């Protein structure tokens, strides 16, 4: 456990080992989430949050639609090929 202090300006230094472990560099934007007994710092997403209805069917496709069985078979093959 690393210990840090809150400055008079409300600033906290994140210890270097933690910054390195999370690949956070100067200028990294973080989201502060109140979790009741503390604060969770998470990297800000580089993309705006969207809803599935906003992005579904946005990519053009050719050919017939795939069945659920065909998609599951393709996923299983990908997993087998990846973890051989």
N, C-alpha and C. Protein backbone atom coordinates (compact mmCIF):
# COMPACT_ATOMS: atom_id res chain seq x y z
N UNK A 1 0.85 -1.17 0.00
CA UNK A 1 0.00 0.00 0.00
C UNK A 1 0.89 1.23 0.00
N UNK A 2 0.58 2.15 -0.89
CA UNK A 2 1.33 3.40 -0.98
C UNK A 2 0.53 4.49 -0.26
N UNK A 3 1.23 5.40 0.39
CA UNK A 3 0.57 6.50 1.11
C UNK A 3 0.93 7.81 0.43
N UNK A 4 -0.05 8.67 0.29
CA UNK A 4 0.15 9.99 -0.30
C UNK A 4 -0.62 11.00 0.53
N UNK A 5 -0.47 12.28 0.23
CA UNK A 5 -1.14 13.34 0.99
C UNK A 5 -1.97 14.21 0.07
N UNK A 6 -3.01 14.78 0.63
CA UNK A 6 -3.84 15.76 -0.06
C UNK A 6 -3.24 17.14 0.18
N UNK A 7 -2.96 17.88 -0.90
CA UNK A 7 -2.36 19.21 -0.74
C UNK A 7 -3.44 20.22 -0.37
N UNK A 8 -3.00 21.42 0.01
CA UNK A 8 -3.94 22.48 0.36
C UNK A 8 -4.79 22.90 -0.83
N UNK A 9 -4.35 22.54 -2.05
CA UNK A 9 -5.10 22.85 -3.26
C UNK A 9 -5.98 21.67 -3.71
N UNK A 10 -6.05 20.62 -2.89
CA UNK A 10 -6.87 19.47 -3.22
C UNK A 10 -6.21 18.50 -4.19
N UNK A 11 -4.91 18.61 -4.36
CA UNK A 11 -4.19 17.74 -5.28
C UNK A 11 -3.59 16.54 -4.56
N UNK A 12 -3.55 15.41 -5.26
CA UNK A 12 -2.98 14.18 -4.73
C UNK A 12 -1.95 13.68 -5.72
N UNK A 13 -0.80 13.27 -5.24
CA UNK A 13 0.21 12.67 -6.10
C UNK A 13 -0.02 11.17 -6.11
N UNK A 14 -0.20 10.62 -7.30
CA UNK A 14 -0.35 9.17 -7.44
C UNK A 14 1.06 8.61 -7.48
N UNK A 15 1.38 7.69 -6.57
CA UNK A 15 2.75 7.15 -6.51
C UNK A 15 3.20 6.58 -7.86
N UNK A 16 4.49 6.77 -8.16
CA UNK A 16 5.05 6.36 -9.44
C UNK A 16 4.79 4.89 -9.78
N UNK A 17 4.96 3.94 -8.84
CA UNK A 17 4.69 2.55 -9.21
C UNK A 17 3.26 2.32 -9.71
N UNK A 18 2.31 3.04 -9.13
CA UNK A 18 0.92 2.90 -9.59
C UNK A 18 0.72 3.54 -10.96
N UNK A 19 1.33 4.71 -11.18
CA UNK A 19 1.23 5.35 -12.50
C UNK A 19 1.84 4.47 -13.57
N UNK A 20 2.98 3.88 -13.25
CA UNK A 20 3.65 3.01 -14.23
C UNK A 20 2.82 1.75 -14.50
N UNK A 21 2.25 1.16 -13.45
CA UNK A 21 1.47 -0.07 -13.61
C UNK A 21 0.25 0.16 -14.49
N UNK A 22 -0.31 1.37 -14.44
CA UNK A 22 -1.51 1.69 -15.23
C UNK A 22 -1.18 2.46 -16.51
N UNK A 23 0.11 2.69 -16.76
CA UNK A 23 0.55 3.41 -17.96
C UNK A 23 -0.06 4.81 -18.03
N UNK A 24 -0.13 5.49 -16.89
CA UNK A 24 -0.65 6.85 -16.83
C UNK A 24 0.53 7.81 -16.89
N UNK A 25 0.44 8.76 -17.81
CA UNK A 25 1.48 9.77 -17.96
C UNK A 25 0.90 11.14 -17.67
N UNK A 26 1.75 12.15 -17.59
CA UNK A 26 1.30 13.51 -17.33
C UNK A 26 0.25 13.90 -18.36
N UNK A 27 -0.82 14.51 -17.89
CA UNK A 27 -1.89 14.93 -18.78
C UNK A 27 -3.02 13.91 -18.91
N UNK A 28 -2.81 12.71 -18.36
CA UNK A 28 -3.85 11.67 -18.42
C UNK A 28 -5.12 12.20 -17.75
N UNK A 29 -6.25 12.12 -18.45
CA UNK A 29 -7.51 12.53 -17.86
C UNK A 29 -8.10 11.36 -17.09
N UNK A 30 -8.53 11.63 -15.86
CA UNK A 30 -9.10 10.61 -15.00
C UNK A 30 -10.52 11.00 -14.60
N UNK A 31 -11.35 10.00 -14.40
CA UNK A 31 -12.70 10.20 -13.89
C UNK A 31 -12.67 9.82 -12.42
N UNK A 32 -13.17 10.69 -11.55
CA UNK A 32 -13.23 10.42 -10.12
C UNK A 32 -14.65 9.96 -9.78
N UNK A 33 -14.77 8.74 -9.24
CA UNK A 33 -16.07 8.16 -8.91
C UNK A 33 -16.18 7.99 -7.40
N UNK A 34 -17.23 8.54 -6.82
CA UNK A 34 -17.46 8.40 -5.38
C UNK A 34 -18.00 6.99 -5.12
N UNK A 35 -17.28 6.20 -4.33
CA UNK A 35 -17.71 4.84 -4.03
C UNK A 35 -18.08 4.69 -2.56
N UNK A 36 -18.52 5.76 -1.93
CA UNK A 36 -18.97 5.70 -0.55
C UNK A 36 -17.85 5.93 0.45
N UNK A 37 -16.97 4.95 0.60
CA UNK A 37 -15.90 5.08 1.58
C UNK A 37 -14.60 5.54 0.97
N UNK A 38 -14.64 6.00 -0.29
CA UNK A 38 -13.43 6.46 -0.96
C UNK A 38 -13.74 6.95 -2.36
N UNK A 39 -12.69 7.14 -3.12
CA UNK A 39 -12.81 7.62 -4.50
C UNK A 39 -12.06 6.66 -5.41
N UNK A 40 -12.70 6.28 -6.50
CA UNK A 40 -12.09 5.42 -7.51
C UNK A 40 -11.66 6.32 -8.67
N UNK A 41 -10.39 6.23 -9.07
CA UNK A 41 -9.90 6.98 -10.22
C UNK A 41 -9.82 6.02 -11.41
N UNK A 42 -10.46 6.41 -12.52
CA UNK A 42 -10.45 5.59 -13.73
C UNK A 42 -10.04 6.47 -14.89
N UNK A 43 -9.30 5.90 -15.86
CA UNK A 43 -8.96 6.71 -17.03
C UNK A 43 -10.22 7.09 -17.79
N UNK A 44 -10.24 8.31 -18.26
CA UNK A 44 -11.38 8.78 -19.05
C UNK A 44 -11.37 8.06 -20.38
N UNK A 45 -12.54 7.61 -20.80
CA UNK A 45 -12.66 6.92 -22.07
C UNK A 45 -12.38 7.90 -23.21
N UNK A 46 -11.61 7.48 -24.22
CA UNK A 46 -11.33 8.39 -25.34
C UNK A 46 -12.53 8.58 -26.25
N UNK A 47 -13.58 7.80 -26.04
CA UNK A 47 -14.77 7.89 -26.89
C UNK A 47 -15.97 8.28 -26.05
N UNK A 48 -16.88 9.01 -26.65
CA UNK A 48 -18.11 9.35 -25.97
C UNK A 48 -18.94 8.09 -25.78
N UNK A 49 -19.64 8.01 -24.65
CA UNK A 49 -20.48 6.85 -24.39
C UNK A 49 -21.64 6.83 -25.39
N UNK A 50 -21.92 5.66 -25.94
CA UNK A 50 -23.00 5.52 -26.91
C UNK A 50 -23.96 4.42 -26.47
N UNK A 51 -25.09 4.38 -27.12
CA UNK A 51 -26.09 3.33 -26.88
C UNK A 51 -26.09 2.42 -28.11
N UNK A 52 -26.40 1.16 -27.92
CA UNK A 52 -26.36 0.19 -29.01
C UNK A 52 -27.21 0.65 -30.20
N UNK A 53 -28.33 1.31 -29.93
CA UNK A 53 -29.19 1.77 -31.03
C UNK A 53 -28.51 2.82 -31.90
N UNK A 54 -27.51 3.50 -31.36
CA UNK A 54 -26.80 4.53 -32.11
C UNK A 54 -25.75 3.94 -33.05
N UNK A 55 -25.31 2.71 -32.79
CA UNK A 55 -24.23 2.14 -33.58
C UNK A 55 -24.60 0.85 -34.30
N UNK A 56 -25.71 0.24 -33.91
CA UNK A 56 -26.11 -1.01 -34.56
C UNK A 56 -26.35 -0.77 -36.04
N UNK A 57 -25.90 -1.66 -36.86
CA UNK A 57 -26.08 -1.61 -38.32
C UNK A 57 -25.36 -0.44 -38.98
N UNK A 58 -24.33 0.10 -38.34
CA UNK A 58 -23.63 1.24 -38.94
C UNK A 58 -22.58 0.78 -39.95
N UNK A 59 -22.18 -0.48 -39.91
CA UNK A 59 -21.19 -0.99 -40.85
C UNK A 59 -21.88 -1.73 -41.99
N UNK A 60 -21.42 -1.49 -43.19
CA UNK A 60 -21.97 -2.16 -44.36
C UNK A 60 -21.46 -3.58 -44.41
N UNK A 61 -22.30 -4.49 -44.87
CA UNK A 61 -21.92 -5.88 -44.97
C UNK A 61 -22.40 -6.45 -46.29
N UNK A 62 -21.75 -7.49 -46.73
CA UNK A 62 -22.19 -8.18 -47.95
C UNK A 62 -22.46 -9.63 -47.60
N UNK A 63 -23.27 -10.28 -48.37
CA UNK A 63 -23.58 -11.68 -48.11
C UNK A 63 -24.77 -11.81 -47.19
N UNK A 64 -25.08 -13.05 -46.90
CA UNK A 64 -26.25 -13.32 -46.06
C UNK A 64 -25.89 -13.19 -44.58
N UNK A 65 -26.92 -13.00 -43.78
CA UNK A 65 -26.71 -12.90 -42.33
C UNK A 65 -26.25 -14.25 -41.79
N UNK A 66 -25.41 -14.21 -40.77
CA UNK A 66 -24.91 -15.42 -40.13
C UNK A 66 -25.89 -15.88 -39.06
N UNK A 67 -25.98 -17.18 -38.89
CA UNK A 67 -26.84 -17.72 -37.83
C UNK A 67 -26.09 -17.64 -36.51
N UNK A 68 -26.83 -17.77 -35.42
CA UNK A 68 -26.22 -17.77 -34.10
C UNK A 68 -25.25 -18.94 -33.98
N UNK A 69 -25.62 -20.10 -34.51
CA UNK A 69 -24.73 -21.27 -34.47
C UNK A 69 -23.43 -20.99 -35.22
N UNK A 70 -23.52 -20.33 -36.37
CA UNK A 70 -22.32 -20.02 -37.16
C UNK A 70 -21.42 -19.05 -36.40
N UNK A 71 -22.01 -18.06 -35.73
CA UNK A 71 -21.22 -17.09 -34.97
C UNK A 71 -20.54 -17.77 -33.78
N UNK A 72 -21.28 -18.64 -33.08
CA UNK A 72 -20.69 -19.35 -31.94
C UNK A 72 -19.56 -20.27 -32.39
N UNK A 73 -19.72 -20.92 -33.54
CA UNK A 73 -18.67 -21.79 -34.07
C UNK A 73 -17.42 -20.98 -34.41
N UNK A 74 -17.62 -19.79 -34.99
CA UNK A 74 -16.48 -18.94 -35.35
C UNK A 74 -15.76 -18.46 -34.09
N UNK A 75 -16.52 -18.10 -33.05
CA UNK A 75 -15.90 -17.68 -31.79
C UNK A 75 -15.12 -18.82 -31.16
N UNK A 76 -15.69 -20.02 -31.15
CA UNK A 76 -15.01 -21.18 -30.57
C UNK A 76 -13.72 -21.47 -31.33
N UNK A 77 -13.75 -21.37 -32.65
CA UNK A 77 -12.55 -21.60 -33.47
C UNK A 77 -11.49 -20.55 -33.13
N UNK A 78 -11.90 -19.29 -33.02
CA UNK A 78 -10.96 -18.23 -32.68
C UNK A 78 -10.31 -18.46 -31.34
N UNK A 79 -11.07 -18.93 -30.37
CA UNK A 79 -10.52 -19.21 -29.03
C UNK A 79 -9.53 -20.38 -29.11
N UNK A 80 -9.93 -21.43 -29.82
CA UNK A 80 -9.03 -22.59 -29.96
C UNK A 80 -7.74 -22.19 -30.65
N UNK A 81 -7.85 -21.40 -31.72
CA UNK A 81 -6.64 -20.98 -32.46
C UNK A 81 -5.75 -20.08 -31.61
N UNK A 82 -6.35 -19.24 -30.77
CA UNK A 82 -5.59 -18.31 -29.94
C UNK A 82 -4.85 -19.02 -28.82
N UNK A 83 -5.49 -20.02 -28.22
CA UNK A 83 -4.93 -20.64 -27.02
C UNK A 83 -4.41 -22.05 -27.26
N UNK A 84 -3.90 -22.32 -28.44
CA UNK A 84 -3.33 -23.64 -28.75
C UNK A 84 -2.07 -23.85 -27.96
